[in-house]
PDB file of N, CA and C in Angstrom:
ATOM      1  N   MET A   1      13.816  13.659 -21.068  1.00  0.00           N
ATOM      2  CA  MET A   1      13.101  13.717 -19.823  1.00  0.00           C
ATOM      3  C   MET A   1      12.522  15.125 -19.629  1.00  0.00           C
ATOM      4  N   ILE A   2      11.350  15.164 -19.041  1.00  0.00           N
ATOM      5  CA  ILE A   2      10.661  16.439 -18.829  1.00  0.00           C
ATOM      6  C   ILE A   2      11.398  17.240 -17.758  1.00  0.00           C
ATOM      7  N   LYS A   3      11.536  18.497 -18.015  1.00  0.00           N
ATOM      8  CA  LYS A   3      12.178  19.360 -17.034  1.00  0.00           C
ATOM      9  C   LYS A   3      11.308  19.438 -15.784  1.00  0.00           C
ATOM     10  N   GLU A   4      11.955  19.608 -14.659  1.00  0.00           N
ATOM     11  CA  GLU A   4      11.242  19.627 -13.381  1.00  0.00           C
ATOM     12  C   GLU A   4      10.151  20.689 -13.345  1.00  0.00           C
ATOM     13  N   THR A   5      10.450  21.881 -13.817  1.00  0.00           N
ATOM     14  CA  THR A   5       9.474  22.972 -13.785  1.00  0.00           C
ATOM     15  C   THR A   5       8.240  22.623 -14.614  1.00  0.00           C
ATOM     16  N   GLU A   6       8.481  22.060 -15.785  1.00  0.00           N
ATOM     17  CA  GLU A   6       7.367  21.678 -16.663  1.00  0.00           C
ATOM     18  C   GLU A   6       6.517  20.595 -16.001  1.00  0.00           C
ATOM     19  N   LEU A   7       7.166  19.640 -15.395  1.00  0.00           N
ATOM     20  CA  LEU A   7       6.448  18.565 -14.715  1.00  0.00           C
ATOM     21  C   LEU A   7       5.630  19.107 -13.540  1.00  0.00           C
ATOM     22  N   ARG A   8       6.205  19.985 -12.751  1.00  0.00           N
ATOM     23  CA  ARG A   8       5.482  20.582 -11.621  1.00  0.00           C
ATOM     24  C   ARG A   8       4.262  21.375 -12.112  1.00  0.00           C
ATOM     25  N   ASN A   9       4.413  22.076 -13.211  1.00  0.00           N
ATOM     26  CA  ASN A   9       3.288  22.827 -13.779  1.00  0.00           C
ATOM     27  C   ASN A   9       2.163  21.889 -14.235  1.00  0.00           C
ATOM     28  N   ARG A  10       2.544  20.809 -14.896  1.00  0.00           N
ATOM     29  CA  ARG A  10       1.544  19.825 -15.332  1.00  0.00           C
ATOM     30  C   ARG A  10       0.822  19.213 -14.148  1.00  0.00           C
ATOM     31  N   LEU A  11       1.578  18.864 -13.127  1.00  0.00           N
ATOM     32  CA  LEU A  11       0.967  18.280 -11.933  1.00  0.00           C
ATOM     33  C   LEU A  11       0.035  19.274 -11.248  1.00  0.00           C
ATOM     34  N   SER A  12       0.448  20.510 -11.175  1.00  0.00           N
ATOM     35  CA  SER A  12      -0.369  21.544 -10.561  1.00  0.00           C
ATOM     36  C   SER A  12      -1.705  21.685 -11.287  1.00  0.00           C
ATOM     37  N   LYS A  13      -1.678  21.660 -12.608  1.00  0.00           N
ATOM     38  CA  LYS A  13      -2.911  21.749 -13.396  1.00  0.00           C
ATOM     39  C   LYS A  13      -3.811  20.551 -13.128  1.00  0.00           C
ATOM     40  N   LYS A  14      -3.210  19.379 -13.040  1.00  0.00           N
ATOM     41  CA  LYS A  14      -4.000  18.174 -12.779  1.00  0.00           C
ATOM     42  C   LYS A  14      -4.622  18.210 -11.387  1.00  0.00           C
ATOM     43  N   ILE A  15      -3.883  18.705 -10.420  1.00  0.00           N
ATOM     44  CA  ILE A  15      -4.391  18.798  -9.044  1.00  0.00           C
ATOM     45  C   ILE A  15      -5.602  19.718  -8.994  1.00  0.00           C
ATOM     46  N   LYS A  16      -5.563  20.804  -9.739  1.00  0.00           N
ATOM     47  CA  LYS A  16      -6.682  21.749  -9.755  1.00  0.00           C
ATOM     48  C   LYS A  16      -7.941  21.124 -10.347  1.00  0.00           C
ATOM     49  N   GLN A  17      -7.783  20.076 -11.140  1.00  0.00           N
ATOM     50  CA  GLN A  17      -8.931  19.417 -11.770  1.00  0.00           C
ATOM     51  C   GLN A  17      -9.508  18.284 -10.920  1.00  0.00           C
ATOM     52  N   ILE A  18      -8.843  17.913  -9.847  1.00  0.00           N
ATOM     53  CA  ILE A  18      -9.301  16.810  -9.010  1.00  0.00           C
ATOM     54  C   ILE A  18     -10.555  17.239  -8.246  1.00  0.00           C
ATOM     55  N   PRO A  19     -11.563  16.376  -8.207  1.00  0.00           N
ATOM     56  CA  PRO A  19     -12.792  16.712  -7.467  1.00  0.00           C
ATOM     57  C   PRO A  19     -12.501  16.926  -5.978  1.00  0.00           C
ATOM     58  N   SER A  20     -13.272  17.791  -5.367  1.00  0.00           N
ATOM     59  CA  SER A  20     -13.071  18.158  -3.960  1.00  0.00           C
ATOM     60  C   SER A  20     -13.060  16.936  -3.043  1.00  0.00           C
ATOM     61  N   ASP A  21     -13.905  15.965  -3.333  1.00  0.00           N
ATOM     62  CA  ASP A  21     -14.003  14.805  -2.452  1.00  0.00           C
ATOM     63  C   ASP A  21     -12.778  13.890  -2.538  1.00  0.00           C
ATOM     64  N   LYS A  22     -11.889  14.127  -3.478  1.00  0.00           N
ATOM     65  CA  LYS A  22     -10.677  13.306  -3.628  1.00  0.00           C
ATOM     66  C   LYS A  22      -9.425  14.004  -3.113  1.00  0.00           C
ATOM     67  N   LEU A  23      -9.542  15.247  -2.708  1.00  0.00           N
ATOM     68  CA  LEU A  23      -8.362  16.007  -2.287  1.00  0.00           C
ATOM     69  C   LEU A  23      -7.700  15.424  -1.042  1.00  0.00           C
ATOM     70  N   GLU A  24      -8.496  14.977  -0.101  1.00  0.00           N
ATOM     71  CA  GLU A  24      -7.915  14.401   1.120  1.00  0.00           C
ATOM     72  C   GLU A  24      -7.140  13.125   0.794  1.00  0.00           C
ATOM     73  N   LEU A  25      -7.668  12.329  -0.094  1.00  0.00           N
ATOM     74  CA  LEU A  25      -6.976  11.117  -0.536  1.00  0.00           C
ATOM     75  C   LEU A  25      -5.638  11.464  -1.184  1.00  0.00           C
ATOM     76  N   LEU A  26      -5.634  12.481  -2.017  1.00  0.00           N
ATOM     77  CA  LEU A  26      -4.403  12.936  -2.664  1.00  0.00           C
ATOM     78  C   LEU A  26      -3.400  13.434  -1.632  1.00  0.00           C
ATOM     79  N   GLU A  27      -3.881  14.193  -0.672  1.00  0.00           N
ATOM     80  CA  GLU A  27      -2.981  14.709   0.361  1.00  0.00           C
ATOM     81  C   GLU A  27      -2.344  13.560   1.155  1.00  0.00           C
ATOM     82  N   ASN A  28      -3.128  12.550   1.487  1.00  0.00           N
ATOM     83  CA  ASN A  28      -2.578  11.389   2.209  1.00  0.00           C
ATOM     84  C   ASN A  28      -1.517  10.673   1.383  1.00  0.00           C
ATOM     85  N   PHE A  29      -1.769  10.565   0.085  1.00  0.00           N
ATOM     86  CA  PHE A  29      -0.789   9.939  -0.799  1.00  0.00           C
ATOM     87  C   PHE A  29       0.505  10.742  -0.826  1.00  0.00           C
ATOM     88  N   ILE A  30       0.389  12.040  -0.931  1.00  0.00           N
ATOM     89  CA  ILE A  30       1.573  12.906  -0.955  1.00  0.00           C
ATOM     90  C   ILE A  30       2.342  12.806   0.358  1.00  0.00           C
ATOM     91  N   LEU A  31       1.618  12.761   1.470  1.00  0.00           N
ATOM     92  CA  LEU A  31       2.281  12.625   2.771  1.00  0.00           C
ATOM     93  C   LEU A  31       3.082  11.324   2.853  1.00  0.00           C
ATOM     94  N   LYS A  32       2.538  10.256   2.292  1.00  0.00           N
ATOM     95  CA  LYS A  32       3.264   8.984   2.295  1.00  0.00           C
ATOM     96  C   LYS A  32       4.507   9.058   1.414  1.00  0.00           C
ATOM     97  N   LEU A  33       4.416   9.793   0.309  1.00  0.00           N
ATOM     98  CA  LEU A  33       5.589   9.967  -0.547  1.00  0.00           C
ATOM     99  C   LEU A  33       6.664  10.777   0.164  1.00  0.00           C
ATOM    100  N   GLU A  34       6.227  11.797   0.890  1.00  0.00           N
ATOM    101  CA  GLU A  34       7.171  12.659   1.597  1.00  0.00           C
ATOM    102  C   GLU A  34       7.820  11.956   2.785  1.00  0.00           C
ATOM    103  N   ASN A  35       7.059  11.096   3.441  1.00  0.00           N
ATOM    104  CA  ASN A  35       7.558  10.447   4.645  1.00  0.00           C
ATOM    105  C   ASN A  35       7.173   8.964   4.630  1.00  0.00           C
ATOM    106  N   PRO A  36       7.942   8.131   3.928  1.00  0.00           N
ATOM    107  CA  PRO A  36       7.592   6.714   3.812  1.00  0.00           C
ATOM    108  C   PRO A  36       7.591   5.969   5.146  1.00  0.00           C
ATOM    109  N   THR A  37       8.234   6.500   6.163  1.00  0.00           N
ATOM    110  CA  THR A  37       8.237   5.802   7.457  1.00  0.00           C
ATOM    111  C   THR A  37       6.860   5.826   8.099  1.00  0.00           C
ATOM    112  N   LEU A  38       5.995   6.773   7.712  1.00  0.00           N
ATOM    113  CA  LEU A  38       4.633   6.774   8.246  1.00  0.00           C
ATOM    114  C   LEU A  38       3.921   5.483   7.876  1.00  0.00           C
ATOM    115  N   HIS A  39       4.099   5.033   6.641  1.00  0.00           N
ATOM    116  CA  HIS A  39       3.467   3.793   6.193  1.00  0.00           C
ATOM    117  C   HIS A  39       4.024   2.603   6.977  1.00  0.00           C
ATOM    118  N   LYS A  40       5.321   2.587   7.216  1.00  0.00           N
ATOM    119  CA  LYS A  40       5.931   1.501   7.987  1.00  0.00           C
ATOM    120  C   LYS A  40       5.348   1.462   9.392  1.00  0.00           C
ATOM    121  N   GLU A  41       5.140   2.626   9.983  1.00  0.00           N
ATOM    122  CA  GLU A  41       4.570   2.671  11.328  1.00  0.00           C
ATOM    123  C   GLU A  41       3.142   2.134  11.323  1.00  0.00           C
ATOM    124  N   ASP A  42       2.392   2.421  10.262  1.00  0.00           N
ATOM    125  CA  ASP A  42       1.034   1.878  10.156  1.00  0.00           C
ATOM    126  C   ASP A  42       1.074   0.356  10.145  1.00  0.00           C
ATOM    127  N   ILE A  43       1.980  -0.207   9.374  1.00  0.00           N
ATOM    128  CA  ILE A  43       2.106  -1.657   9.284  1.00  0.00           C
ATOM    129  C   ILE A  43       2.546  -2.233  10.618  1.00  0.00           C
ATOM    130  N   LEU A  44       3.531  -1.601  11.237  1.00  0.00           N
ATOM    131  CA  LEU A  44       4.031  -2.106  12.511  1.00  0.00           C
ATOM    132  C   LEU A  44       2.985  -2.039  13.620  1.00  0.00           C
ATOM    133  N   SER A  45       1.982  -1.211  13.459  1.00  0.00           N
ATOM    134  CA  SER A  45       0.950  -1.127  14.486  1.00  0.00           C
ATOM    135  C   SER A  45       0.176  -2.437  14.613  1.00  0.00           C
ATOM    136  N   PHE A  46       0.276  -3.306  13.609  1.00  0.00           N
ATOM    137  CA  PHE A  46      -0.397  -4.605  13.661  1.00  0.00           C
ATOM    138  C   PHE A  46       0.448  -5.690  14.332  1.00  0.00           C
ATOM    139  N   SER A  47       1.693  -5.365  14.661  1.00  0.00           N
ATOM    140  CA  SER A  47       2.551  -6.388  15.251  1.00  0.00           C
ATOM    141  C   SER A  47       1.932  -6.901  16.549  1.00  0.00           C
ATOM    142  N   GLY A  48       1.991  -8.206  16.728  1.00  0.00           N
ATOM    143  CA  GLY A  48       1.445  -8.830  17.918  1.00  0.00           C
ATOM    144  C   GLY A  48      -0.051  -9.085  17.845  1.00  0.00           C
ATOM    145  N   SER A  49      -0.681  -8.735  16.740  1.00  0.00           N
ATOM    146  CA  SER A  49      -2.132  -8.895  16.627  1.00  0.00           C
ATOM    147  C   SER A  49      -2.574 -10.347  16.738  1.00  0.00           C
ATOM    148  N   TRP A  50      -1.715 -11.242  16.316  1.00  0.00           N
ATOM    149  CA  TRP A  50      -2.098 -12.654  16.306  1.00  0.00           C
ATOM    150  C   TRP A  50      -1.451 -13.435  17.441  1.00  0.00           C
ATOM    151  N   ASN A  51      -0.985 -12.756  18.464  1.00  0.00           N
ATOM    152  CA  ASN A  51      -0.337 -13.440  19.580  1.00  0.00           C
ATOM    153  C   ASN A  51      -1.225 -14.489  20.228  1.00  0.00           C
ATOM    154  N   ASP A  52      -2.522 -14.233  20.279  1.00  0.00           N
ATOM    155  CA  ASP A  52      -3.421 -15.169  20.942  1.00  0.00           C
ATOM    156  C   ASP A  52      -4.043 -16.174  19.969  1.00  0.00           C
ATOM    157  N   LEU A  53      -3.553 -16.231  18.734  1.00  0.00           N
ATOM    158  CA  LEU A  53      -4.054 -17.173  17.740  1.00  0.00           C
ATOM    159  C   LEU A  53      -3.618 -18.586  18.116  1.00  0.00           C
ATOM    160  N   ASP A  54      -4.537 -19.537  17.995  1.00  0.00           N
ATOM    161  CA  ASP A  54      -4.254 -20.936  18.300  1.00  0.00           C
ATOM    162  C   ASP A  54      -3.036 -21.409  17.505  1.00  0.00           C
ATOM    163  N   LYS A  55      -2.114 -22.101  18.159  1.00  0.00           N
ATOM    164  CA  LYS A  55      -0.854 -22.527  17.520  1.00  0.00           C
ATOM    165  C   LYS A  55      -1.101 -23.431  16.318  1.00  0.00           C
ATOM    166  N   ASP A  56      -2.072 -24.349  16.407  1.00  0.00           N
ATOM    167  CA  ASP A  56      -2.360 -25.246  15.281  1.00  0.00           C
ATOM    168  C   ASP A  56      -2.858 -24.476  14.065  1.00  0.00           C
ATOM    169  N   ILE A  57      -3.696 -23.494  14.312  1.00  0.00           N
ATOM    170  CA  ILE A  57      -4.204 -22.668  13.206  1.00  0.00           C
ATOM    171  C   ILE A  57      -3.061 -21.869  12.592  1.00  0.00           C
ATOM    172  N   ALA A  58      -2.204 -21.306  13.428  1.00  0.00           N
ATOM    173  CA  ALA A  58      -1.067 -20.533  12.925  1.00  0.00           C
ATOM    174  C   ALA A  58      -0.128 -21.410  12.106  1.00  0.00           C
ATOM    175  N   ASN A  59       0.150 -22.625  12.581  1.00  0.00           N
ATOM    176  CA  ASN A  59       1.028 -23.539  11.844  1.00  0.00           C
ATOM    177  C   ASN A  59       0.401 -23.938  10.510  1.00  0.00           C
ATOM    178  N   ASP A  60      -0.898 -24.248  10.513  1.00  0.00           N
ATOM    179  CA  ASP A  60      -1.587 -24.615   9.280  1.00  0.00           C
ATOM    180  C   ASP A  60      -1.540 -23.460   8.284  1.00  0.00           C
ATOM    181  N   PHE A  61      -1.792 -22.265   8.772  1.00  0.00           N
ATOM    182  CA  PHE A  61      -1.750 -21.080   7.917  1.00  0.00           C
ATOM    183  C   PHE A  61      -0.371 -20.920   7.291  1.00  0.00           C
ATOM    184  N   THR A  62       0.672 -21.064   8.099  1.00  0.00           N
ATOM    185  CA  THR A  62       2.039 -20.898   7.623  1.00  0.00           C
ATOM    186  C   THR A  62       2.411 -21.973   6.608  1.00  0.00           C
ATOM    187  N   GLU A  63       2.051 -23.217   6.903  1.00  0.00           N
ATOM    188  CA  GLU A  63       2.404 -24.319   6.010  1.00  0.00           C
ATOM    189  C   GLU A  63       1.689 -24.223   4.670  1.00  0.00           C
ATOM    190  N   ARG A  64       0.464 -23.746   4.665  1.00  0.00           N
ATOM    191  CA  ARG A  64      -0.302 -23.657   3.419  1.00  0.00           C
ATOM    192  C   ARG A  64      -0.099 -22.336   2.688  1.00  0.00           C
ATOM    193  N   LEU A  65       0.642 -21.426   3.266  1.00  0.00           N
ATOM    194  CA  LEU A  65       0.834 -20.094   2.685  1.00  0.00           C
ATOM    195  C   LEU A  65       1.507 -20.165   1.310  1.00  0.00           C
ATOM    196  N   ILE A  66       2.564 -20.939   1.206  1.00  0.00           N
ATOM    197  CA  ILE A  66       3.296 -21.032  -0.063  1.00  0.00           C
ATOM    198  C   ILE A  66       2.395 -21.590  -1.155  1.00  0.00           C
ATOM    199  N   ALA A  67       1.642 -22.641  -0.833  1.00  0.00           N
ATOM    200  CA  ALA A  67       0.740 -23.231  -1.828  1.00  0.00           C
ATOM    201  C   ALA A  67      -0.323 -22.231  -2.269  1.00  0.00           C
ATOM    202  N   ARG A  68      -0.867 -21.471  -1.332  1.00  0.00           N
ATOM    203  CA  ARG A  68      -1.877 -20.471  -1.694  1.00  0.00           C
ATOM    204  C   ARG A  68      -1.284 -19.387  -2.579  1.00  0.00           C
ATOM    205  N   ARG A  69      -0.078 -18.992  -2.286  1.00  0.00           N
ATOM    206  CA  ARG A  69       0.573 -17.971  -3.123  1.00  0.00           C
ATOM    207  C   ARG A  69       0.814 -18.499  -4.531  1.00  0.00           C
ATOM    208  N   GLU A  70       1.225 -19.750  -4.636  1.00  0.00           N
ATOM    209  CA  GLU A  70       1.450 -20.338  -5.959  1.00  0.00           C
ATOM    210  C   GLU A  70       0.144 -20.402  -6.743  1.00  0.00           C
ATOM    211  N   ASN A  71      -0.939 -20.815  -6.097  1.00  0.00           N
ATOM    212  CA  ASN A  71      -2.242 -20.870  -6.775  1.00  0.00           C
ATOM    213  C   ASN A  71      -2.673 -19.485  -7.215  1.00  0.00           C
ATOM    214  N   SER A  72      -2.471 -18.512  -6.393  1.00  0.00           N
ATOM    215  CA  SER A  72      -2.838 -17.143  -6.721  1.00  0.00           C
ATOM    216  C   SER A  72      -2.012 -16.630  -7.891  1.00  0.00           C
ATOM    217  N   LYS A  73      -0.729 -16.966  -7.890  1.00  0.00           N
ATOM    218  CA  LYS A  73       0.173 -16.518  -8.962  1.00  0.00           C
ATOM    219  C   LYS A  73      -0.270 -17.105 -10.301  1.00  0.00           C
ATOM    220  N   ARG A  74      -0.673 -18.368 -10.297  1.00  0.00           N
ATOM    221  CA  ARG A  74      -1.107 -18.989 -11.541  1.00  0.00           C
ATOM    222  C   ARG A  74      -2.349 -18.301 -12.101  1.00  0.00           C
ATOM    223  N   ARG A  75      -3.262 -17.906 -11.220  1.00  0.00           N
ATOM    224  CA  ARG A  75      -4.480 -17.225 -11.689  1.00  0.00           C
ATOM    225  C   ARG A  75      -4.122 -15.880 -12.306  1.00  0.00           C
ATOM    226  N   ILE A  76      -3.167 -15.185 -11.739  1.00  0.00           N
ATOM    227  CA  ILE A  76      -2.779 -13.871 -12.249  1.00  0.00           C
ATOM    228  C   ILE A  76      -2.036 -14.019 -13.566  1.00  0.00           C
ATOM    229  N   ASP A  77      -1.102 -14.989 -13.638  1.00  0.00           N
ATOM    230  CA  ASP A  77      -0.301 -15.177 -14.834  1.00  0.00           C
ATOM    231  C   ASP A  77      -1.117 -15.766 -15.982  1.00  0.00           C
ATOM    232  N   GLY A  78      -2.096 -16.554 -15.620  1.00  0.00           N
ATOM    233  CA  GLY A  78      -2.696 -17.318 -16.551  1.00  0.00           C
ATOM    234  C   GLY A  78      -3.715 -17.332 -17.418  1.00  0.00           C
TER     235      GLY A  78
END
């Protein structure tokens, strides 16, 4: 396994080569690594979004969800 210092040096060199327009994206990624609860809070911000969704549509969506996932899985595996 690579020693921590060597790995940090390699990463530092790679960071210096990243184009300026990608630095903010990299920083956001690092922030998520440092604090994974930030991502959870982003997801939780959607809670209740479908409260006003028609019950029949919600039930249909839920009932067909497993079948759609299976179809999607076959396309990926296959």
